[in-house]
Amino acid sequence: MNEMTRRLQREAERIASKHPLPEFYFRFKAPIALARRLYFNHPLVVLMRKTVQPVLQEDLGHGMFHSARVSMDTATLVFVESQSVSANPLGIERMMVLGLLAGLLHDICRDREHHAEVGAIEAEKVLKRFALSRNETKCICEAIRNHEAFIAPTPCKRRAYQLISDCLYDADKFRWGADTFLHTLWHIADHQGLTPRELIDRFPWGISGTLRIAETFRTPTGRQYGPEIIQTGIDIGKEIYRYLLQHFKEEAHEERHPDRH
């Protein structure tokens, strides 16, 4: 990452540090801790982390950092949503593992057109090397196929499949909150060589797109806590935008109107 982009990312981190953590992350501390333990210690998840790390593309803002957070939030949502149905603890833990695997795999084809559909096909190939049943593999692949924003999902035939699918979608869209403005934005800016003035031009469009996602959450937990996560990100984004205007507005003006100087 170039020095200017890194400096702007540090400023974004400073701005974000003034904002409170969304309620989801302190309301569900126990399942979050369990999801983290499984993420770092379960043999299947450890193997998957080693498998996808060389493939995921950090320069698109959807690398290991993004996938790890999606993975753990998917597992957390699976746990929370499973409390409303009668399920034994071992069954819930296995579902959490499937959620972790889906989260790690969901963006393995992020740079491809129709990346969710293509990613589901690629994920099926990867999962053949894992100790999973055919149904578990299908469950993960259906979730990956359904995770793309603003595209109608294909309903899953089994309730367990639908649970993983909806939890993966919501966990991925949680990233449209603060993560967009702390991580994804700066990796994309660096990859595309965007200048601060180009960021200024794109910011209003980016924030409007983020607002739209708040209405698309699929689980009851996502619908309850997701909008606050998104709003926190938007609040951070607006402050970053004001910072860019304050420090780089003249540069942007000169770039658009060079004949006036």
C-alpha atoms as a PDB file:
ATOM      1  CA  MET A   1       0.000   0.000   0.000  1.00  0.00           C
ATOM      2  CA  ASN A   2       1.398   3.415  -0.934  1.00  0.00           C
ATOM      3  CA  GLU A   3       2.191   5.922   1.800  1.00  0.00           C
ATOM      4  CA  MET A   4      -0.670   8.331   1.024  1.00  0.00           C
ATOM      5  CA  THR A   5      -3.298   5.589   1.104  1.00  0.00           C
ATOM      6  CA  ARG A   6      -1.823   4.128   4.283  1.00  0.00           C
ATOM      7  CA  ARG A   7      -1.902   7.574   5.912  1.00  0.00           C
ATOM      8  CA  LEU A   8      -5.553   7.996   4.965  1.00  0.00           C
ATOM      9  CA  GLN A   9      -6.346   4.534   6.331  1.00  0.00           C
ATOM     10  CA  ARG A  10      -4.722   5.459   9.642  1.00  0.00           C
ATOM     11  CA  GLU A  11      -6.833   8.617   9.754  1.00  0.00           C
ATOM     12  CA  ALA A  12      -9.931   6.496   9.095  1.00  0.00           C
ATOM     13  CA  GLU A  13      -8.941   4.248  12.006  1.00  0.00           C
ATOM     14  CA  ARG A  14      -8.568   7.306  14.243  1.00  0.00           C
ATOM     15  CA  ILE A  15     -12.022   8.538  13.230  1.00  0.00           C
ATOM     16  CA  ALA A  16     -13.576   5.100  13.781  1.00  0.00           C
ATOM     17  CA  SER A  17     -12.051   4.784  17.255  1.00  0.00           C
ATOM     18  CA  LYS A  18     -14.396   7.546  18.454  1.00  0.00           C
ATOM     19  CA  HIS A  19     -17.494   5.544  17.527  1.00  0.00           C
ATOM     20  CA  PRO A  20     -19.059   2.938  19.850  1.00  0.00           C
ATOM     21  CA  LEU A  21     -18.997  -0.736  18.968  1.00  0.00           C
ATOM     22  CA  PRO A  22     -22.336  -1.851  17.455  1.00  0.00           C
ATOM     23  CA  GLU A  23     -24.550  -3.711  19.926  1.00  0.00           C
ATOM     24  CA  PHE A  24     -24.218  -7.051  18.107  1.00  0.00           C
ATOM     25  CA  TYR A  25     -20.578  -7.342  19.159  1.00  0.00           C
ATOM     26  CA  PHE A  26     -21.121  -6.966  22.887  1.00  0.00           C
ATOM     27  CA  ARG A  27     -24.599  -8.536  23.108  1.00  0.00           C
ATOM     28  CA  PHE A  28     -23.298 -11.855  21.764  1.00  0.00           C
ATOM     29  CA  LYS A  29     -19.852 -12.059  23.337  1.00  0.00           C
ATOM     30  CA  ALA A  30     -20.203 -15.750  24.297  1.00  0.00           C
ATOM     31  CA  PRO A  31     -21.095 -17.082  20.809  1.00  0.00           C
ATOM     32  CA  ILE A  32     -18.496 -14.754  19.282  1.00  0.00           C
ATOM     33  CA  ALA A  33     -15.881 -16.309  21.574  1.00  0.00           C
ATOM     34  CA  LEU A  34     -17.020 -19.816  20.592  1.00  0.00           C
ATOM     35  CA  ALA A  35     -16.870 -18.901  16.900  1.00  0.00           C
ATOM     36  CA  ARG A  36     -13.320 -17.593  17.357  1.00  0.00           C
ATOM     37  CA  ARG A  37     -12.265 -20.751  19.186  1.00  0.00           C
ATOM     38  CA  LEU A  38     -13.594 -22.932  16.382  1.00  0.00           C
ATOM     39  CA  TYR A  39     -12.034 -20.662  13.756  1.00  0.00           C
ATOM     40  CA  PHE A  40      -8.562 -20.982  15.232  1.00  0.00           C
ATOM     41  CA  ASN A  41      -8.710 -24.565  16.517  1.00  0.00           C
ATOM     42  CA  HIS A  42     -11.131 -26.814  14.626  1.00  0.00           C
ATOM     43  CA  PRO A  43      -9.085 -29.062  12.280  1.00  0.00           C
ATOM     44  CA  LEU A  44     -11.371 -28.547   9.273  1.00  0.00           C
ATOM     45  CA  VAL A  45     -11.275 -24.779   9.662  1.00  0.00           C
ATOM     46  CA  VAL A  46      -7.508 -24.715  10.194  1.00  0.00           C
ATOM     47  CA  LEU A  47      -7.086 -26.729   6.987  1.00  0.00           C
ATOM     48  CA  MET A  48      -9.444 -24.411   5.103  1.00  0.00           C
ATOM     49  CA  ARG A  49      -7.561 -21.324   6.273  1.00  0.00           C
ATOM     50  CA  LYS A  50      -4.347 -22.792   4.898  1.00  0.00           C
ATOM     51  CA  THR A  51      -6.128 -23.712   1.663  1.00  0.00           C
ATOM     52  CA  VAL A  52      -7.700 -20.337   0.864  1.00  0.00           C
ATOM     53  CA  GLN A  53      -5.027 -17.950   2.128  1.00  0.00           C
ATOM     54  CA  PRO A  54      -2.896 -18.139  -1.062  1.00  0.00           C
ATOM     55  CA  VAL A  55      -6.006 -17.700  -3.243  1.00  0.00           C
ATOM     56  CA  LEU A  56      -7.854 -14.800  -1.620  1.00  0.00           C
ATOM     57  CA  GLN A  57      -7.068 -11.363  -3.041  1.00  0.00           C
ATOM     58  CA  GLU A  58      -6.315  -8.758  -0.387  1.00  0.00           C
ATOM     59  CA  ASP A  59      -5.832  -6.051  -3.017  1.00  0.00           C
ATOM     60  CA  LEU A  60      -9.545  -6.207  -3.828  1.00  0.00           C
ATOM     61  CA  GLY A  61     -10.406  -5.714  -0.156  1.00  0.00           C
ATOM     62  CA  HIS A  62     -11.821  -9.239   0.015  1.00  0.00           C
ATOM     63  CA  GLY A  63      -8.823 -11.213   1.197  1.00  0.00           C
ATOM     64  CA  MET A  64      -8.125 -13.096   4.396  1.00  0.00           C
ATOM     65  CA  PHE A  65      -9.029 -10.183   6.684  1.00  0.00           C
ATOM     66  CA  HIS A  66     -12.484  -9.881   5.129  1.00  0.00           C
ATOM     67  CA  SER A  67     -13.118 -13.622   4.866  1.00  0.00           C
ATOM     68  CA  ALA A  68     -12.055 -14.287   8.459  1.00  0.00           C
ATOM     69  CA  ARG A  69     -14.498 -11.709   9.779  1.00  0.00           C
ATOM     70  CA  VAL A  70     -17.311 -13.002   7.567  1.00  0.00           C
ATOM     71  CA  SER A  71     -16.491 -16.531   8.688  1.00  0.00           C
ATOM     72  CA  MET A  72     -16.666 -15.788  12.411  1.00  0.00           C
ATOM     73  CA  ASP A  73     -19.790 -13.642  12.153  1.00  0.00           C
ATOM     74  CA  THR A  74     -21.506 -16.362  10.105  1.00  0.00           C
ATOM     75  CA  ALA A  75     -20.790 -18.894  12.849  1.00  0.00           C
ATOM     76  CA  THR A  76     -21.974 -16.455  15.518  1.00  0.00           C
ATOM     77  CA  LEU A  77     -25.239 -15.870  13.675  1.00  0.00           C
ATOM     78  CA  VAL A  78     -25.723 -19.621  13.244  1.00  0.00           C
ATOM     79  CA  PHE A  79     -25.430 -20.071  17.014  1.00  0.00           C
ATOM     80  CA  VAL A  80     -27.807 -17.209  17.825  1.00  0.00           C
ATOM     81  CA  GLU A  81     -30.413 -18.240  15.254  1.00  0.00           C
ATOM     82  CA  SER A  82     -30.234 -21.878  16.395  1.00  0.00           C
ATOM     83  CA  GLN A  83     -31.406 -20.927  19.885  1.00  0.00           C
ATOM     84  CA  SER A  84     -34.945 -20.487  18.561  1.00  0.00           C
ATOM     85  CA  VAL A  85     -35.133 -24.140  17.480  1.00  0.00           C
ATOM     86  CA  SER A  86     -34.534 -27.328  19.417  1.00  0.00           C
ATOM     87  CA  ALA A  87     -31.031 -28.417  18.437  1.00  0.00           C
ATOM     88  CA  ASN A  88     -28.430 -30.292  20.438  1.00  0.00           C
ATOM     89  CA  PRO A  89     -25.153 -28.466  21.223  1.00  0.00           C
ATOM     90  CA  LEU A  90     -23.051 -30.820  19.092  1.00  0.00           C
ATOM     91  CA  GLY A  91     -25.354 -30.233  16.125  1.00  0.00           C
ATOM     92  CA  ILE A  92     -25.106 -26.463  16.552  1.00  0.00           C
ATOM     93  CA  GLU A  93     -21.319 -26.613  16.748  1.00  0.00           C
ATOM     94  CA  ARG A  94     -21.179 -28.618  13.534  1.00  0.00           C
ATOM     95  CA  MET A  95     -23.407 -26.033  11.844  1.00  0.00           C
ATOM     96  CA  MET A  96     -21.084 -23.304  13.101  1.00  0.00           C
ATOM     97  CA  VAL A  97     -18.157 -25.124  11.491  1.00  0.00           C
ATOM     98  CA  LEU A  98     -20.060 -25.234   8.189  1.00  0.00           C
ATOM     99  CA  GLY A  99     -20.662 -21.504   8.549  1.00  0.00           C
ATOM    100  CA  LEU A 100     -16.960 -20.915   9.157  1.00  0.00           C
ATOM    101  CA  LEU A 101     -16.044 -22.906   6.049  1.00  0.00           C
ATOM    102  CA  ALA A 102     -18.619 -21.041   3.955  1.00  0.00           C
ATOM    103  CA  GLY A 103     -17.272 -17.713   5.162  1.00  0.00           C
ATOM    104  CA  LEU A 104     -13.706 -18.613   4.269  1.00  0.00           C
ATOM    105  CA  LEU A 105     -14.704 -19.825   0.809  1.00  0.00           C
ATOM    106  CA  HIS A 106     -17.334 -17.285  -0.206  1.00  0.00           C
ATOM    107  CA  ASP A 107     -15.024 -14.915  -2.112  1.00  0.00           C
ATOM    108  CA  ILE A 108     -12.531 -17.327  -3.675  1.00  0.00           C
ATOM    109  CA  CYS A 109     -13.622 -16.114  -7.129  1.00  0.00           C
ATOM    110  CA  ARG A 110     -14.174 -12.459  -6.179  1.00  0.00           C
ATOM    111  CA  ASP A 111     -12.432 -11.165  -9.302  1.00  0.00           C
ATOM    112  CA  ARG A 112     -14.671 -13.175 -11.657  1.00  0.00           C
ATOM    113  CA  GLU A 113     -17.975 -12.147 -13.219  1.00  0.00           C
ATOM    114  CA  HIS A 114     -20.933 -13.690 -11.331  1.00  0.00           C
ATOM    115  CA  HIS A 115     -18.454 -14.420  -8.560  1.00  0.00           C
ATOM    116  CA  ALA A 116     -20.994 -16.047  -6.231  1.00  0.00           C
ATOM    117  CA  GLU A 117     -22.116 -18.623  -8.784  1.00  0.00           C
ATOM    118  CA  VAL A 118     -18.584 -19.288 -10.021  1.00  0.00           C
ATOM    119  CA  GLY A 119     -17.349 -19.384  -6.424  1.00  0.00           C
ATOM    120  CA  ALA A 120     -19.911 -22.040  -5.483  1.00  0.00           C
ATOM    121  CA  ILE A 121     -18.682 -24.260  -8.318  1.00  0.00           C
ATOM    122  CA  GLU A 122     -15.063 -23.758  -7.287  1.00  0.00           C
ATOM    123  CA  ALA A 123     -15.911 -24.330  -3.612  1.00  0.00           C
ATOM    124  CA  GLU A 124     -17.402 -27.731  -4.437  1.00  0.00           C
ATOM    125  CA  LYS A 125     -14.074 -28.764  -5.952  1.00  0.00           C
ATOM    126  CA  VAL A 126     -12.153 -27.551  -2.902  1.00  0.00           C
ATOM    127  CA  LEU A 127     -14.497 -29.289  -0.460  1.00  0.00           C
ATOM    128  CA  LYS A 128     -13.920 -32.697  -2.028  1.00  0.00           C
ATOM    129  CA  ARG A 129     -10.658 -32.776  -0.082  1.00  0.00           C
ATOM    130  CA  PHE A 130     -12.446 -32.246   3.240  1.00  0.00           C
ATOM    131  CA  ALA A 131     -14.106 -34.739   5.579  1.00  0.00           C
ATOM    132  CA  LEU A 132     -17.646 -33.554   4.884  1.00  0.00           C
ATOM    133  CA  SER A 133     -20.809 -35.349   3.869  1.00  0.00           C
ATOM    134  CA  ARG A 134     -22.352 -34.677   0.466  1.00  0.00           C
ATOM    135  CA  ASN A 135     -25.165 -32.768   2.171  1.00  0.00           C
ATOM    136  CA  GLU A 136     -22.721 -30.597   4.129  1.00  0.00           C
ATOM    137  CA  THR A 137     -20.847 -29.736   0.945  1.00  0.00           C
ATOM    138  CA  LYS A 138     -24.102 -28.864  -0.794  1.00  0.00           C
ATOM    139  CA  CYS A 139     -25.133 -26.707   2.151  1.00  0.00           C
ATOM    140  CA  ILE A 140     -21.923 -24.652   1.949  1.00  0.00           C
ATOM    141  CA  CYS A 141     -22.100 -24.284  -1.830  1.00  0.00           C
ATOM    142  CA  GLU A 142     -25.730 -23.127  -1.780  1.00  0.00           C
ATOM    143  CA  ALA A 143     -24.833 -20.486   0.800  1.00  0.00           C
ATOM    144  CA  ILE A 144     -21.974 -19.197  -1.350  1.00  0.00           C
ATOM    145  CA  ARG A 145     -24.232 -19.107  -4.409  1.00  0.00           C
ATOM    146  CA  ASN A 146     -26.747 -16.963  -2.514  1.00  0.00           C
ATOM    147  CA  HIS A 147     -24.448 -14.379  -0.926  1.00  0.00           C
ATOM    148  CA  GLU A 148     -24.316 -11.712  -3.638  1.00  0.00           C
ATOM    149  CA  ALA A 149     -25.958  -8.360  -2.839  1.00  0.00           C
ATOM    150  CA  PHE A 150     -29.052  -7.105  -4.671  1.00  0.00           C
ATOM    151  CA  ILE A 151     -29.645 -10.435  -6.421  1.00  0.00           C
ATOM    152  CA  ALA A 152     -32.646 -12.559  -5.437  1.00  0.00           C
ATOM    153  CA  PRO A 153     -31.438 -15.735  -3.680  1.00  0.00           C
ATOM    154  CA  THR A 154     -32.523 -19.220  -4.654  1.00  0.00           C
ATOM    155  CA  PRO A 155     -34.557 -20.707  -1.768  1.00  0.00           C
ATOM    156  CA  CYS A 156     -32.885 -23.709  -0.139  1.00  0.00           C
ATOM    157  CA  LYS A 157     -34.879 -26.927   0.170  1.00  0.00           C
ATOM    158  CA  ARG A 158     -33.614 -27.774   3.660  1.00  0.00           C
ATOM    159  CA  ARG A 159     -33.964 -25.563   6.719  1.00  0.00           C
ATOM    160  CA  ALA A 160     -30.333 -26.132   7.719  1.00  0.00           C
ATOM    161  CA  TYR A 161     -29.146 -25.045   4.274  1.00  0.00           C
ATOM    162  CA  GLN A 162     -31.311 -21.935   4.468  1.00  0.00           C
ATOM    163  CA  LEU A 163     -29.900 -21.077   7.887  1.00  0.00           C
ATOM    164  CA  ILE A 164     -26.286 -21.207   6.690  1.00  0.00           C
ATOM    165  CA  SER A 165     -27.212 -19.324   3.514  1.00  0.00           C
ATOM    166  CA  ASP A 166     -28.947 -16.493   5.356  1.00  0.00           C
ATOM    167  CA  CYS A 167     -26.268 -16.252   8.042  1.00  0.00           C
ATOM    168  CA  LEU A 168     -23.475 -16.072   5.460  1.00  0.00           C
ATOM    169  CA  TYR A 169     -25.308 -13.328   3.579  1.00  0.00           C
ATOM    170  CA  ASP A 170     -25.855 -11.242   6.708  1.00  0.00           C
ATOM    171  CA  ALA A 171     -22.299 -11.711   7.978  1.00  0.00           C
ATOM    172  CA  ASP A 172     -20.933 -10.643   4.598  1.00  0.00           C
ATOM    173  CA  LYS A 173     -23.167  -7.559   4.581  1.00  0.00           C
ATOM    174  CA  PHE A 174     -22.104  -6.635   8.124  1.00  0.00           C
ATOM    175  CA  ARG A 175     -18.791  -5.825   6.414  1.00  0.00           C
ATOM    176  CA  TRP A 176     -20.542  -2.985   4.567  1.00  0.00           C
ATOM    177  CA  GLY A 177     -20.418  -1.144   7.877  1.00  0.00           C
ATOM    178  CA  ALA A 178     -17.172   0.052   9.424  1.00  0.00           C
ATOM    179  CA  ASP A 179     -15.049  -2.492   7.527  1.00  0.00           C
ATOM    180  CA  THR A 180     -15.846  -0.726   4.246  1.00  0.00           C
ATOM    181  CA  PHE A 181     -14.228   2.480   5.446  1.00  0.00           C
ATOM    182  CA  LEU A 182     -11.451   0.955   7.555  1.00  0.00           C
ATOM    183  CA  HIS A 183     -10.229  -1.777   5.245  1.00  0.00           C
ATOM    184  CA  THR A 184     -11.949  -2.477   1.923  1.00  0.00           C
ATOM    185  CA  LEU A 185     -11.926   1.099   0.618  1.00  0.00           C
ATOM    186  CA  TRP A 186      -8.194   1.577   1.088  1.00  0.00           C
ATOM    187  CA  HIS A 187      -7.169  -1.736  -0.463  1.00  0.00           C
ATOM    188  CA  ILE A 188      -9.313  -1.018  -3.515  1.00  0.00           C
ATOM    189  CA  ALA A 189      -7.983   2.556  -3.691  1.00  0.00           C
ATOM    190  CA  ASP A 190      -4.424   1.270  -3.563  1.00  0.00           C
ATOM    191  CA  HIS A 191      -5.102  -1.460  -6.123  1.00  0.00           C
ATOM    192  CA  GLN A 192      -6.734   0.989  -8.549  1.00  0.00           C
ATOM    193  CA  GLY A 193      -4.262   3.788  -7.848  1.00  0.00           C
ATOM    194  CA  LEU A 194      -7.006   6.205  -6.767  1.00  0.00           C
ATOM    195  CA  THR A 195      -5.960   9.674  -5.642  1.00  0.00           C
ATOM    196  CA  PRO A 196      -7.694  11.514  -2.760  1.00  0.00           C
ATOM    197  CA  ARG A 197      -9.545  13.686  -5.290  1.00  0.00           C
ATOM    198  CA  GLU A 198     -10.844  10.570  -7.065  1.00  0.00           C
ATOM    199  CA  LEU A 199     -12.011   9.208  -3.716  1.00  0.00           C
ATOM    200  CA  ILE A 200     -13.897  12.463  -3.106  1.00  0.00           C
ATOM    201  CA  ASP A 201     -15.750  12.028  -6.392  1.00  0.00           C
ATOM    202  CA  ARG A 202     -16.729   8.428  -5.596  1.00  0.00           C
ATOM    203  CA  PHE A 203     -17.658   8.813  -1.939  1.00  0.00           C
ATOM    204  CA  PRO A 204     -21.311   9.954  -2.253  1.00  0.00           C
ATOM    205  CA  TRP A 205     -22.094   7.016  -4.548  1.00  0.00           C
ATOM    206  CA  GLY A 206     -20.403   4.578  -2.162  1.00  0.00           C
ATOM    207  CA  ILE A 207     -22.355   5.808   0.843  1.00  0.00           C
ATOM    208  CA  SER A 208     -25.689   5.616  -1.020  1.00  0.00           C
ATOM    209  CA  GLY A 209     -24.938   2.004  -1.980  1.00  0.00           C
ATOM    210  CA  THR A 210     -24.149   1.198   1.640  1.00  0.00           C
ATOM    211  CA  LEU A 211     -27.493   2.640   2.746  1.00  0.00           C
ATOM    212  CA  ARG A 212     -29.374   0.296   0.407  1.00  0.00           C
ATOM    213  CA  ILE A 213     -27.855  -2.844   1.923  1.00  0.00           C
ATOM    214  CA  ALA A 214     -29.394  -2.143   5.350  1.00  0.00           C
ATOM    215  CA  GLU A 215     -32.804  -3.223   4.037  1.00  0.00           C
ATOM    216  CA  THR A 216     -31.665  -6.619   2.759  1.00  0.00           C
ATOM    217  CA  PHE A 217     -30.728  -8.607   5.879  1.00  0.00           C
ATOM    218  CA  ARG A 218     -32.249 -12.089   5.932  1.00  0.00           C
ATOM    219  CA  THR A 219     -32.082 -13.479   9.487  1.00  0.00           C
ATOM    220  CA  PRO A 220     -34.084 -12.038  12.401  1.00  0.00           C
ATOM    221  CA  THR A 221     -30.786 -11.268  14.162  1.00  0.00           C
ATOM    222  CA  GLY A 222     -29.384  -9.607  11.060  1.00  0.00           C
ATOM    223  CA  ARG A 223     -32.512  -7.493  10.634  1.00  0.00           C
ATOM    224  CA  GLN A 224     -32.357  -6.435  14.278  1.00  0.00           C
ATOM    225  CA  TYR A 225     -28.653  -5.602  14.571  1.00  0.00           C
ATOM    226  CA  GLY A 226     -27.448  -5.192  10.986  1.00  0.00           C
ATOM    227  CA  PRO A 227     -28.855  -1.702  10.328  1.00  0.00           C
ATOM    228  CA  GLU A 228     -26.909  -0.308  13.302  1.00  0.00           C
ATOM    229  CA  ILE A 229     -23.707  -1.906  11.976  1.00  0.00           C
ATOM    230  CA  ILE A 230     -24.348  -0.278   8.597  1.00  0.00           C
ATOM    231  CA  GLN A 231     -25.220   3.087  10.156  1.00  0.00           C
ATOM    232  CA  THR A 232     -22.016   3.047  12.199  1.00  0.00           C
ATOM    233  CA  GLY A 233     -20.081   2.549   8.982  1.00  0.00           C
ATOM    234  CA  ILE A 234     -21.967   5.368   7.257  1.00  0.00           C
ATOM    235  CA  ASP A 235     -21.279   7.733  10.162  1.00  0.00           C
ATOM    236  CA  ILE A 236     -17.582   6.874   9.962  1.00  0.00           C
ATOM    237  CA  GLY A 237     -17.667   7.236   6.174  1.00  0.00           C
ATOM    238  CA  LYS A 238     -19.226  10.700   6.364  1.00  0.00           C
ATOM    239  CA  GLU A 239     -16.490  11.862   8.731  1.00  0.00           C
ATOM    240  CA  ILE A 240     -13.820  10.477   6.409  1.00  0.00           C
ATOM    241  CA  TYR A 241     -15.489  12.286   3.507  1.00  0.00           C
ATOM    242  CA  ARG A 242     -15.421  15.566   5.442  1.00  0.00           C
ATOM    243  CA  TYR A 243     -11.748  14.986   6.201  1.00  0.00           C
ATOM    244  CA  LEU A 244     -10.996  14.407   2.513  1.00  0.00           C
ATOM    245  CA  LEU A 245     -12.909  17.553   1.550  1.00  0.00           C
ATOM    246  CA  GLN A 246     -11.096  19.592   4.171  1.00  0.00           C
ATOM    247  CA  HIS A 247      -7.622  18.435   3.158  1.00  0.00           C
ATOM    248  CA  PHE A 248      -7.930  17.687  -0.559  1.00  0.00           C
ATOM    249  CA  LYS A 249     -10.842  19.755  -1.912  1.00  0.00           C
ATOM    250  CA  GLU A 250      -8.600  22.274  -3.684  1.00  0.00           C
ATOM    251  CA  GLU A 251      -6.697  19.485  -5.422  1.00  0.00           C
ATOM    252  CA  ALA A 252      -9.959  17.998  -6.648  1.00  0.00           C
ATOM    253  CA  HIS A 253     -11.152  21.389  -7.916  1.00  0.00           C
ATOM    254  CA  GLU A 254      -7.907  22.041  -9.783  1.00  0.00           C
ATOM    255  CA  GLU A 255      -8.057  18.589 -11.367  1.00  0.00           C
ATOM    256  CA  ARG A 256     -11.565  19.192 -12.712  1.00  0.00           C
ATOM    257  CA  HIS A 257     -10.969  22.827 -13.795  1.00  0.00           C
ATOM    258  CA  PRO A 258      -7.293  23.214 -14.785  1.00  0.00           C
ATOM    259  CA  ASP A 259      -8.105  26.047 -17.223  1.00  0.00           C
ATOM    260  CA  ARG A 260      -9.214  28.353 -14.394  1.00  0.00           C
ATOM    261  CA  HIS A 261      -5.697  28.649 -12.966  1.00  0.00           C
END
